[in-house]
C-alpha atoms as a PDB file:
ATOM      1  CA  MET A   1      46.662 -40.014 -10.139  1.00  0.00           C
ATOM      2  CA  PHE A   2      43.507 -38.339 -11.488  1.00  0.00           C
ATOM      3  CA  VAL A   3      41.734 -41.681 -11.542  1.00  0.00           C
ATOM      4  CA  ILE A   4      42.521 -42.239  -7.860  1.00  0.00           C
ATOM      5  CA  ALA A   5      41.352 -38.722  -6.982  1.00  0.00           C
ATOM      6  CA  GLY A   6      38.106 -39.325  -8.890  1.00  0.00           C
ATOM      7  CA  ILE A   7      37.506 -42.584  -7.076  1.00  0.00           C
ATOM      8  CA  VAL A   8      38.127 -40.891  -3.727  1.00  0.00           C
ATOM      9  CA  CYS A   9      35.619 -38.131  -4.601  1.00  0.00           C
ATOM     10  CA  VAL A  10      32.983 -40.700  -5.550  1.00  0.00           C
ATOM     11  CA  ILE A  11      33.539 -42.571  -2.290  1.00  0.00           C
ATOM     12  CA  LEU A  12      33.231 -39.330  -0.307  1.00  0.00           C
ATOM     13  CA  VAL A  13      29.988 -38.413  -2.057  1.00  0.00           C
ATOM     14  CA  ILE A  14      28.565 -41.856  -1.339  1.00  0.00           C
ATOM     15  CA  LEU A  15      29.599 -41.610   2.319  1.00  0.00           C
ATOM     16  CA  LEU A  16      28.079 -38.148   2.637  1.00  0.00           C
ATOM     17  CA  PHE A  17      24.872 -39.249   0.952  1.00  0.00           C
ATOM     18  CA  PHE A  18      24.327 -42.265   3.178  1.00  0.00           C
ATOM     19  CA  SER A  19      25.778 -40.830   6.384  1.00  0.00           C
ATOM     20  CA  SER A  20      23.211 -40.363   9.155  1.00  0.00           C
ATOM     21  CA  TYR A  21      25.293 -37.445  10.428  1.00  0.00           C
ATOM     22  CA  PHE A  22      23.760 -35.268   7.702  1.00  0.00           C
ATOM     23  CA  SER A  23      20.202 -36.514   8.104  1.00  0.00           C
ATOM     24  CA  ILE A  24      17.576 -33.837   8.737  1.00  0.00           C
ATOM     25  CA  LEU A  25      16.542 -34.056  12.390  1.00  0.00           C
ATOM     26  CA  ASN A  26      14.911 -30.664  12.919  1.00  0.00           C
ATOM     27  CA  VAL A  27      12.685 -28.446  10.796  1.00  0.00           C
ATOM     28  CA  GLU A  28      12.316 -25.095  12.555  1.00  0.00           C
ATOM     29  CA  VAL A  29       9.527 -22.777  11.420  1.00  0.00           C
ATOM     30  CA  LEU A  30      10.309 -19.172  12.294  1.00  0.00           C
ATOM     31  CA  ARG A  31       7.539 -16.591  12.328  1.00  0.00           C
ATOM     32  CA  GLN A  32       7.356 -12.824  12.542  1.00  0.00           C
ATOM     33  CA  ASP A  33       3.622 -12.945  13.226  1.00  0.00           C
ATOM     34  CA  PHE A  34       2.155 -14.805  16.214  1.00  0.00           C
ATOM     35  CA  ASN A  35      -0.910 -15.671  14.089  1.00  0.00           C
ATOM     36  CA  ILE A  36       1.141 -18.099  11.989  1.00  0.00           C
ATOM     37  CA  ASP A  37       0.325 -21.676  13.035  1.00  0.00           C
ATOM     38  CA  THR A  38       3.830 -23.124  13.175  1.00  0.00           C
ATOM     39  CA  ALA A  39       2.614 -26.481  14.509  1.00  0.00           C
ATOM     40  CA  ALA A  40       0.438 -27.144  11.458  1.00  0.00           C
ATOM     41  CA  ILE A  41       3.278 -26.243   9.106  1.00  0.00           C
ATOM     42  CA  SER A  42       5.791 -28.365  10.995  1.00  0.00           C
ATOM     43  CA  ASN A  43       3.459 -31.353  10.775  1.00  0.00           C
ATOM     44  CA  GLU A  44       3.383 -31.017   6.990  1.00  0.00           C
ATOM     45  CA  LEU A  45       7.187 -30.779   6.812  1.00  0.00           C
ATOM     46  CA  ASN A  46       7.902 -33.745   9.108  1.00  0.00           C
ATOM     47  CA  ILE A  47       7.816 -36.010   6.050  1.00  0.00           C
ATOM     48  CA  TYR A  48      11.293 -34.697   5.228  1.00  0.00           C
ATOM     49  CA  ILE A  49      12.835 -35.777   8.545  1.00  0.00           C
ATOM     50  CA  GLY A  50      15.626 -38.260   7.881  1.00  0.00           C
ATOM     51  CA  ARG A  51      16.446 -36.955   4.395  1.00  0.00           C
ATOM     52  CA  ASN A  52      20.053 -36.070   3.628  1.00  0.00           C
ATOM     53  CA  ILE A  53      20.377 -32.322   4.161  1.00  0.00           C
ATOM     54  CA  LEU A  54      23.245 -31.900   1.691  1.00  0.00           C
ATOM     55  CA  PHE A  55      21.364 -33.183  -1.327  1.00  0.00           C
ATOM     56  CA  PHE A  56      17.828 -32.252  -0.336  1.00  0.00           C
ATOM     57  CA  PRO A  57      16.331 -29.518  -2.617  1.00  0.00           C
ATOM     58  CA  ARG A  58      15.017 -26.542  -0.662  1.00  0.00           C
ATOM     59  CA  SER A  59      12.462 -25.937  -3.415  1.00  0.00           C
ATOM     60  CA  ARG A  60      10.583 -29.050  -2.285  1.00  0.00           C
ATOM     61  CA  ILE A  61       9.826 -27.466   1.087  1.00  0.00           C
ATOM     62  CA  VAL A  62       8.848 -24.191  -0.593  1.00  0.00           C
ATOM     63  CA  ASN A  63       6.421 -25.987  -2.905  1.00  0.00           C
ATOM     64  CA  THR A  64       4.895 -27.986  -0.040  1.00  0.00           C
ATOM     65  CA  ILE A  65       4.166 -24.810   1.925  1.00  0.00           C
ATOM     66  CA  LYS A  66       2.783 -23.018  -1.136  1.00  0.00           C
ATOM     67  CA  ASP A  67       0.404 -25.894  -1.840  1.00  0.00           C
ATOM     68  CA  LYS A  68      -0.830 -26.281   1.733  1.00  0.00           C
ATOM     69  CA  PHE A  69      -0.548 -22.680   2.974  1.00  0.00           C
ATOM     70  CA  PRO A  70      -0.942 -20.210   0.084  1.00  0.00           C
ATOM     71  CA  GLU A  71      -1.346 -17.251   2.472  1.00  0.00           C
ATOM     72  CA  PHE A  72       2.429 -16.744   2.666  1.00  0.00           C
ATOM     73  CA  SER A  73       4.038 -14.169   0.396  1.00  0.00           C
ATOM     74  CA  SER A  74       7.618 -15.084   1.318  1.00  0.00           C
ATOM     75  CA  ILE A  75       9.132 -18.514   2.102  1.00  0.00           C
ATOM     76  CA  ASP A  76      12.850 -18.610   2.865  1.00  0.00           C
ATOM     77  CA  VAL A  77      14.455 -22.027   3.485  1.00  0.00           C
ATOM     78  CA  LYS A  78      17.956 -22.265   4.971  1.00  0.00           C
ATOM     79  CA  LYS A  79      20.078 -25.341   5.645  1.00  0.00           C
ATOM     80  CA  VAL A  80      21.987 -25.260   8.923  1.00  0.00           C
ATOM     81  CA  LEU A  81      24.515 -28.065   8.921  1.00  0.00           C
ATOM     82  CA  PRO A  82      24.657 -30.767  10.002  1.00  0.00           C
ATOM     83  CA  ASN A  83      20.939 -31.556  10.446  1.00  0.00           C
ATOM     84  CA  THR A  84      18.636 -28.524  10.781  1.00  0.00           C
ATOM     85  CA  VAL A  85      16.423 -26.774   8.254  1.00  0.00           C
ATOM     86  CA  LYS A  86      15.066 -23.320   9.122  1.00  0.00           C
ATOM     87  CA  VAL A  87      11.996 -21.908   7.392  1.00  0.00           C
ATOM     88  CA  GLU A  88      11.144 -18.200   7.612  1.00  0.00           C
ATOM     89  CA  LEU A  89       7.630 -17.124   6.604  1.00  0.00           C
ATOM     90  CA  GLU A  90       5.835 -13.868   5.918  1.00  0.00           C
ATOM     91  CA  HIS A  91       2.093 -13.456   5.431  1.00  0.00           C
ATOM     92  CA  HIS A  92       0.458 -11.686   2.533  1.00  0.00           C
ATOM     93  CA  GLU A  93      -0.602  -8.230   3.709  1.00  0.00           C
ATOM     94  CA  ILE A  94      -4.067  -7.849   5.243  1.00  0.00           C
ATOM     95  CA  VAL A  95      -5.834  -5.178   3.176  1.00  0.00           C
ATOM     96  CA  ALA A  96      -9.487  -5.123   4.288  1.00  0.00           C
ATOM     97  CA  ASN A  97     -12.175  -6.251   6.661  1.00  0.00           C
ATOM     98  CA  LEU A  98     -14.617  -8.624   5.007  1.00  0.00           C
ATOM     99  CA  ARG A  99     -18.343  -8.879   5.625  1.00  0.00           C
ATOM    100  CA  ALA A 100     -19.928 -11.768   3.779  1.00  0.00           C
ATOM    101  CA  TYR A 101     -23.627 -12.648   3.715  1.00  0.00           C
ATOM    102  CA  TYR A 102     -24.922 -16.076   2.756  1.00  0.00           C
ATOM    103  CA  ILE A 103     -28.269 -17.853   2.676  1.00  0.00           C
ATOM    104  CA  LEU A 104     -28.290 -21.614   3.095  1.00  0.00           C
ATOM    105  CA  PRO A 105     -30.451 -23.356   0.492  1.00  0.00           C
ATOM    106  CA  LYS A 106     -33.693 -24.777   1.830  1.00  0.00           C
ATOM    107  CA  VAL A 107     -33.507 -28.554   2.188  1.00  0.00           C
ATOM    108  CA  GLU A 108     -36.562 -30.301   0.824  1.00  0.00           C
ATOM    109  CA  THR A 109     -37.468 -33.494   2.690  1.00  0.00           C
ATOM    110  CA  PRO A 110     -39.527 -36.182   0.927  1.00  0.00           C
ATOM    111  CA  PRO A 111     -43.104 -36.448   2.228  1.00  0.00           C
ATOM    112  CA  LYS A 112     -43.860 -39.302   4.599  1.00  0.00           C
ATOM    113  CA  GLU A 113     -46.669 -41.772   3.927  1.00  0.00           C
ATOM    114  CA  GLU A 114     -49.814 -40.847   5.779  1.00  0.00           C
ATOM    115  CA  ASP A 115     -53.206 -42.402   5.986  1.00  0.00           C
ATOM    116  CA  GLU A 116     -56.234 -40.514   4.688  1.00  0.00           C
ATOM    117  CA  ARG A 117     -57.178 -39.176   8.103  1.00  0.00           C
ATOM    118  CA  LEU A 118     -53.796 -37.543   8.695  1.00  0.00           C
ATOM    119  CA  ALA A 119     -53.760 -36.167   5.155  1.00  0.00           C
ATOM    120  CA  ASP A 120     -57.139 -34.488   5.722  1.00  0.00           C
ATOM    121  CA  ILE A 121     -55.963 -32.984   8.999  1.00  0.00           C
ATOM    122  CA  ALA A 122     -52.783 -31.675   7.400  1.00  0.00           C
ATOM    123  CA  GLU A 123     -54.739 -30.106   4.551  1.00  0.00           C
ATOM    124  CA  ALA A 124     -57.118 -28.437   6.980  1.00  0.00           C
ATOM    125  CA  LEU A 125     -54.229 -26.980   8.967  1.00  0.00           C
ATOM    126  CA  ASP A 126     -52.585 -25.528   5.866  1.00  0.00           C
ATOM    127  CA  MET A 127     -54.937 -22.575   5.710  1.00  0.00           C
ATOM    128  CA  ALA A 128     -54.715 -21.838   9.423  1.00  0.00           C
ATOM    129  CA  LEU A 129     -50.924 -21.977   9.550  1.00  0.00           C
ATOM    130  CA  SER A 130     -50.181 -20.196   6.267  1.00  0.00           C
ATOM    131  CA  LEU A 131     -49.286 -16.899   7.958  1.00  0.00           C
ATOM    132  CA  GLU A 132     -46.965 -18.596  10.422  1.00  0.00           C
ATOM    133  CA  GLU A 133     -45.266 -20.518   7.595  1.00  0.00           C
ATOM    134  CA  GLU A 134     -44.665 -17.319   5.638  1.00  0.00           C
ATOM    135  CA  THR A 135     -43.031 -15.761   8.685  1.00  0.00           C
ATOM    136  CA  THR A 136     -40.854 -18.826   9.203  1.00  0.00           C
ATOM    137  CA  GLU A 137     -39.820 -18.831   5.545  1.00  0.00           C
ATOM    138  CA  LYS A 138     -38.771 -15.188   5.761  1.00  0.00           C
ATOM    139  CA  GLU A 139     -36.713 -15.957   8.827  1.00  0.00           C
ATOM    140  CA  GLU A 140     -34.990 -18.823   6.994  1.00  0.00           C
ATOM    141  CA  LEU A 141     -34.113 -16.489   4.119  1.00  0.00           C
ATOM    142  CA  THR A 142     -32.523 -13.885   6.346  1.00  0.00           C
ATOM    143  CA  PRO A 143     -28.853 -13.602   5.307  1.00  0.00           C
ATOM    144  CA  ILE A 144     -26.282 -14.813   7.811  1.00  0.00           C
ATOM    145  CA  GLU A 145     -23.327 -12.495   8.353  1.00  0.00           C
ATOM    146  CA  GLN A 146     -19.692 -13.549   8.572  1.00  0.00           C
ATOM    147  CA  LYS A 147     -16.884 -11.221   9.572  1.00  0.00           C
ATOM    148  CA  CYS A 148     -13.199 -11.790   8.943  1.00  0.00           C
ATOM    149  CA  LEU A 149     -10.193 -10.187   7.269  1.00  0.00           C
ATOM    150  CA  LEU A 150      -9.125 -10.293   3.640  1.00  0.00           C
ATOM    151  CA  ASN A 151      -5.499 -10.510   2.553  1.00  0.00           C
ATOM    152  CA  ARG A 152      -3.734  -9.186  -0.532  1.00  0.00           C
ATOM    153  CA  ILE A 153      -4.531 -12.252  -2.655  1.00  0.00           C
ATOM    154  CA  GLY A 154      -8.202 -12.455  -1.654  1.00  0.00           C
ATOM    155  CA  GLN A 155      -8.092 -15.074   1.104  1.00  0.00           C
ATOM    156  CA  ALA A 156     -10.406 -14.964   4.112  1.00  0.00           C
ATOM    157  CA  ILE A 157      -8.479 -14.838   7.402  1.00  0.00           C
ATOM    158  CA  PHE A 158     -10.504 -15.704  10.511  1.00  0.00           C
ATOM    159  CA  ASP A 159      -7.876 -15.932  13.256  1.00  0.00           C
ATOM    160  CA  GLN A 160      -7.344 -12.174  13.568  1.00  0.00           C
ATOM    161  CA  GLU A 161      -9.650  -9.459  14.880  1.00  0.00           C
ATOM    162  CA  GLU A 162     -11.315  -6.767  12.789  1.00  0.00           C
ATOM    163  CA  ASN A 163      -9.024  -3.836  11.990  1.00  0.00           C
ATOM    164  CA  LEU A 164     -10.958  -0.568  12.170  1.00  0.00           C
ATOM    165  CA  GLU A 165      -8.203   1.262  10.302  1.00  0.00           C
ATOM    166  CA  LEU A 166      -8.830  -0.806   7.151  1.00  0.00           C
ATOM    167  CA  MET A 167     -11.622  -0.415   4.634  1.00  0.00           C
ATOM    168  CA  THR A 168     -14.476  -2.927   4.537  1.00  0.00           C
ATOM    169  CA  ILE A 169     -15.389  -5.117   1.560  1.00  0.00           C
ATOM    170  CA  THR A 170     -18.935  -6.509   1.496  1.00  0.00           C
ATOM    171  CA  ILE A 171     -20.032  -9.569  -0.483  1.00  0.00           C
ATOM    172  CA  ASP A 172     -23.614 -10.790  -0.372  1.00  0.00           C
ATOM    173  CA  GLY A 173     -25.700 -13.416  -2.114  1.00  0.00           C
ATOM    174  CA  LEU A 174     -23.451 -16.348  -1.193  1.00  0.00           C
ATOM    175  CA  SER A 175     -25.002 -19.818  -0.864  1.00  0.00           C
ATOM    176  CA  GLN A 176     -22.664 -21.157   1.819  1.00  0.00           C
ATOM    177  CA  PRO A 177     -20.377 -19.871   4.572  1.00  0.00           C
ATOM    178  CA  ILE A 178     -16.769 -18.965   3.878  1.00  0.00           C
ATOM    179  CA  GLU A 179     -14.032 -21.096   5.432  1.00  0.00           C
ATOM    180  CA  ASP A 180     -10.722 -19.958   6.879  1.00  0.00           C
ATOM    181  CA  ARG A 181      -8.013 -19.428   4.208  1.00  0.00           C
ATOM    182  CA  GLU A 182     -10.612 -19.812   1.451  1.00  0.00           C
ATOM    183  CA  SER A 183      -9.991 -17.749  -1.678  1.00  0.00           C
ATOM    184  CA  VAL A 184     -12.972 -15.388  -1.706  1.00  0.00           C
ATOM    185  CA  VAL A 185     -11.848 -12.938  -4.397  1.00  0.00           C
ATOM    186  CA  VAL A 186      -9.663 -14.063  -7.301  1.00  0.00           C
ATOM    187  CA  GLN A 187      -6.355 -12.246  -7.384  1.00  0.00           C
ATOM    188  CA  ASP A 188      -6.845 -10.336 -10.634  1.00  0.00           C
ATOM    189  CA  ARG A 189     -10.014  -8.787  -9.205  1.00  0.00           C
ATOM    190  CA  MET A 190      -8.266  -7.996  -5.937  1.00  0.00           C
ATOM    191  CA  ASP A 191      -5.578  -6.234  -7.974  1.00  0.00           C
ATOM    192  CA  TYR A 192      -8.249  -4.376  -9.941  1.00  0.00           C
ATOM    193  CA  MET A 193     -10.068  -3.153  -6.821  1.00  0.00           C
ATOM    194  CA  LEU A 194      -6.949  -2.086  -4.948  1.00  0.00           C
ATOM    195  CA  ASP A 195      -5.513  -0.311  -7.991  1.00  0.00           C
ATOM    196  CA  ALA A 196      -8.842   1.428  -8.658  1.00  0.00           C
ATOM    197  CA  ILE A 197      -9.058   2.641  -5.063  1.00  0.00           C
ATOM    198  CA  ARG A 198      -5.509   3.953  -5.169  1.00  0.00           C
ATOM    199  CA  TYR A 199      -6.191   5.769  -8.438  1.00  0.00           C
ATOM    200  CA  PHE A 200      -9.492   7.210  -7.180  1.00  0.00           C
ATOM    201  CA  ASN A 201      -7.983   8.447  -3.918  1.00  0.00           C
ATOM    202  CA  ASN A 202      -5.181  10.215  -5.789  1.00  0.00           C
ATOM    203  CA  LEU A 203      -7.622  12.065  -8.074  1.00  0.00           C
ATOM    204  CA  PHE A 204     -10.203  13.236  -5.554  1.00  0.00           C
ATOM    205  CA  GLU A 205     -10.177  14.810  -2.122  1.00  0.00           C
ATOM    206  CA  MET A 206     -12.757  12.254  -0.982  1.00  0.00           C
ATOM    207  CA  GLN A 207     -11.439   8.800  -0.119  1.00  0.00           C
ATOM    208  CA  VAL A 208     -12.871   5.320  -0.611  1.00  0.00           C
ATOM    209  CA  GLU A 209     -13.812   3.839   2.765  1.00  0.00           C
ATOM    210  CA  SER A 210     -15.721   0.706   1.752  1.00  0.00           C
ATOM    211  CA  ILE A 211     -16.497  -1.535  -1.223  1.00  0.00           C
ATOM    212  CA  ARG A 212     -19.386  -3.727  -2.302  1.00  0.00           C
ATOM    213  CA  TYR A 213     -18.115  -6.548  -4.490  1.00  0.00           C
ATOM    214  CA  LEU A 214     -20.571  -8.226  -6.881  1.00  0.00           C
ATOM    215  CA  PRO A 215     -18.781 -11.213  -8.465  1.00  0.00           C
ATOM    216  CA  ILE A 216     -21.671 -12.437 -10.635  1.00  0.00           C
ATOM    217  CA  ALA A 217     -22.497  -8.972 -12.002  1.00  0.00           C
ATOM    218  CA  ARG A 218     -18.745  -8.328 -12.412  1.00  0.00           C
ATOM    219  CA  GLU A 219     -19.084  -4.994 -10.639  1.00  0.00           C
ATOM    220  CA  VAL A 220     -17.535  -3.133  -7.753  1.00  0.00           C
ATOM    221  CA  HIS A 221     -19.251  -0.264  -5.924  1.00  0.00           C
ATOM    222  CA  LEU A 222     -16.960   2.237  -4.212  1.00  0.00           C
ATOM    223  CA  LYS A 223     -18.339   4.199  -1.251  1.00  0.00           C
ATOM    224  CA  THR A 224     -16.453   7.333  -0.275  1.00  0.00           C
ATOM    225  CA  ASP A 225     -16.151   9.088   3.062  1.00  0.00           C
ATOM    226  CA  THR A 226     -18.589  11.736   1.723  1.00  0.00           C
ATOM    227  CA  GLY A 227     -21.254   9.081   1.156  1.00  0.00           C
ATOM    228  CA  LEU A 228     -20.951   9.076  -2.636  1.00  0.00           C
ATOM    229  CA  ILE A 229     -21.272   5.606  -4.247  1.00  0.00           C
ATOM    230  CA  VAL A 230     -19.540   4.975  -7.577  1.00  0.00           C
ATOM    231  CA  TRP A 231     -20.201   1.926  -9.776  1.00  0.00           C
ATOM    232  CA  LEU A 232     -17.409   0.350 -11.835  1.00  0.00           C
ATOM    233  CA  THR A 233     -17.354  -2.742 -14.029  1.00  0.00           C
ATOM    234  CA  PHE A 234     -14.495  -5.239 -14.196  1.00  0.00           C
ATOM    235  CA  GLU A 235     -15.129  -5.452 -17.938  1.00  0.00           C
ATOM    236  CA  LYS A 236     -13.510  -2.049 -18.581  1.00  0.00           C
ATOM    237  CA  ASP A 237     -10.341  -0.290 -17.501  1.00  0.00           C
ATOM    238  CA  TYR A 238     -10.852   1.408 -14.134  1.00  0.00           C
ATOM    239  CA  LYS A 239      -8.843   4.465 -15.226  1.00  0.00           C
ATOM    240  CA  GLU A 240     -11.110   5.038 -18.196  1.00  0.00           C
ATOM    241  CA  GLN A 241     -14.182   4.930 -15.942  1.00  0.00           C
ATOM    242  CA  ILE A 242     -12.828   7.065 -13.107  1.00  0.00           C
ATOM    243  CA  ASP A 243     -11.374   9.660 -15.504  1.00  0.00           C
ATOM    244  CA  LYS A 244     -14.883  10.330 -16.823  1.00  0.00           C
ATOM    245  CA  LEU A 245     -16.022  11.291 -13.335  1.00  0.00           C
ATOM    246  CA  ASN A 246     -12.940  13.403 -12.747  1.00  0.00           C
ATOM    247  CA  ILE A 247     -13.625  15.468 -15.879  1.00  0.00           C
ATOM    248  CA  ILE A 248     -17.160  16.458 -14.902  1.00  0.00           C
ATOM    249  CA  TYR A 249     -17.203  16.181 -11.119  1.00  0.00           C
ATOM    250  CA  GLU A 250     -16.411  19.773 -10.113  1.00  0.00           C
ATOM    251  CA  ALA A 251     -18.263  21.317 -13.050  1.00  0.00           C
ATOM    252  CA  ALA A 252     -21.416  19.342 -12.313  1.00  0.00           C
ATOM    253  CA  GLU A 253     -21.455  20.474  -8.654  1.00  0.00           C
ATOM    254  CA  PHE A 254     -23.003  17.224  -7.448  1.00  0.00           C
ATOM    255  CA  ASP A 255     -24.890  17.253  -4.165  1.00  0.00           C
ATOM    256  CA  GLU A 256     -23.963  13.868  -2.662  1.00  0.00           C
ATOM    257  CA  ASP A 257     -27.007  13.936  -0.386  1.00  0.00           C
ATOM    258  CA  ASP A 258     -29.311  13.892  -3.413  1.00  0.00           C
ATOM    259  CA  ILE A 259     -27.439  11.165  -5.331  1.00  0.00           C
ATOM    260  CA  ALA A 260     -27.932   7.455  -4.628  1.00  0.00           C
ATOM    261  CA  TYR A 261     -25.038   6.426  -6.897  1.00  0.00           C
ATOM    262  CA  ILE A 262     -23.043   7.367  -9.993  1.00  0.00           C
ATOM    263  CA  ASP A 263     -22.733   4.690 -12.684  1.00  0.00           C
ATOM    264  CA  LEU A 264     -19.511   4.836 -14.736  1.00  0.00           C
ATOM    265  CA  ARG A 265     -19.898   1.489 -16.501  1.00  0.00           C
ATOM    266  CA  VAL A 266     -21.325   2.771 -19.788  1.00  0.00           C
ATOM    267  CA  ARG A 267     -18.753   3.942 -22.329  1.00  0.00           C
ATOM    268  CA  GLU A 268     -18.470   7.731 -22.696  1.00  0.00           C
ATOM    269  CA  LYS A 269     -21.351   8.301 -20.281  1.00  0.00           C
ATOM    270  CA  VAL A 270     -21.770   9.228 -16.635  1.00  0.00           C
ATOM    271  CA  ILE A 271     -25.139   8.142 -15.260  1.00  0.00           C
ATOM    272  CA  TYR A 272     -26.316   9.242 -11.863  1.00  0.00           C
ATOM    273  CA  CYS A 273     -29.345   8.124  -9.882  1.00  0.00           C
ATOM    274  CA  PRO A 274     -31.136  10.704  -7.661  1.00  0.00           C
ATOM    275  CA  THR A 275     -32.017   9.481  -4.197  1.00  0.00           C
ATOM    276  CA  ALA A 276     -35.773   9.923  -4.728  1.00  0.00           C
ATOM    277  CA  SER A 277     -35.765   8.335  -8.208  1.00  0.00           C
ATOM    278  CA  GLN A 278     -37.142   4.976  -9.344  1.00  0.00           C
ATOM    279  CA  CYS A 279     -33.573   3.736 -10.043  1.00  0.00           C
ATOM    280  CA  ASN A 280     -32.862   3.774  -6.298  1.00  0.00           C
ATOM    281  CA  ARG A 281     -35.484   1.137  -5.515  1.00  0.00           C
END
C-alpha cells in the first residue's frame, strides 16, 4: 500500500514539474516609486519565463536584481499560482544632493610630419600665440560640474531632481564624469559620514548643512549652518574627534567669522585656522 502511494506521489511530482500549466508566463514588477524603471527590470527577468513556478527558487530572482540593480534595499518575490511571479521593490533612501567636479585628462596627439618650411612657420608662431595657448589651457582645466542625488549606499542617482531639503555633498578632483547608478562613495564611508553628522547635530545647536568629501586624503569637511567648517579624518573614530570640539567649544568662545576651519584630525589637539592666516591659502 505504501509502495503504491509512493509511486503515485512520484508520478504527481513528475507531472507537476513538466506540466505547462505551472509554467511562469508573467513576471510583474510592482513599484512604490515612479522613478523605478520597471521595463528594464522586467527585461532582465524575462529569462525565467517558461520555468516551472512550483520548483523555481525565488532567491534566483532576488540575486539577479541585486546584481543588476543594487539601488534596491528591499526585494520581495511572491509566487501567484498558477503562472505569475510578482516582485515588489523599494529604493535605498536618498540622503543628499551630490555635486561632483571632474577634469578630463588632456589627450596628447602625435605630431604630424611636416617639411622644414612648415616647421619654421610653426616655431615662429609659438611665441606669438603663447598667451592664447595659456588661456586655452586654463579653459580646458576648468572643472566640469555634475549634479545628481546620492542614496544611502553611495550611488549616484540622475533620474530625480535636486532636493533642496537635503544636505549637499561635494566631491572634486575626479578624472571622469560619474554615471547613473555608479557607486561614488563606498558604503562604510557613507555610514561614517551619516553617523558623524547625526552625532554632531545632537551635540551642538548648529547643524551640518553640507559636506566636502575628499576620498584620496581620507577626510570629510563638515560645514554648519553658522558657516563653521570642521575637518575629520576617516582614520579615527568620529566620536573621539567631535568630542574634543564639544569640550572646548563654548569655553573658547569661537568667532566663526574669523575662523576658516577647525581641524580635529590630530590626536588630543584642536587646531583652528584664522581666516586671515597663511593656512587659509
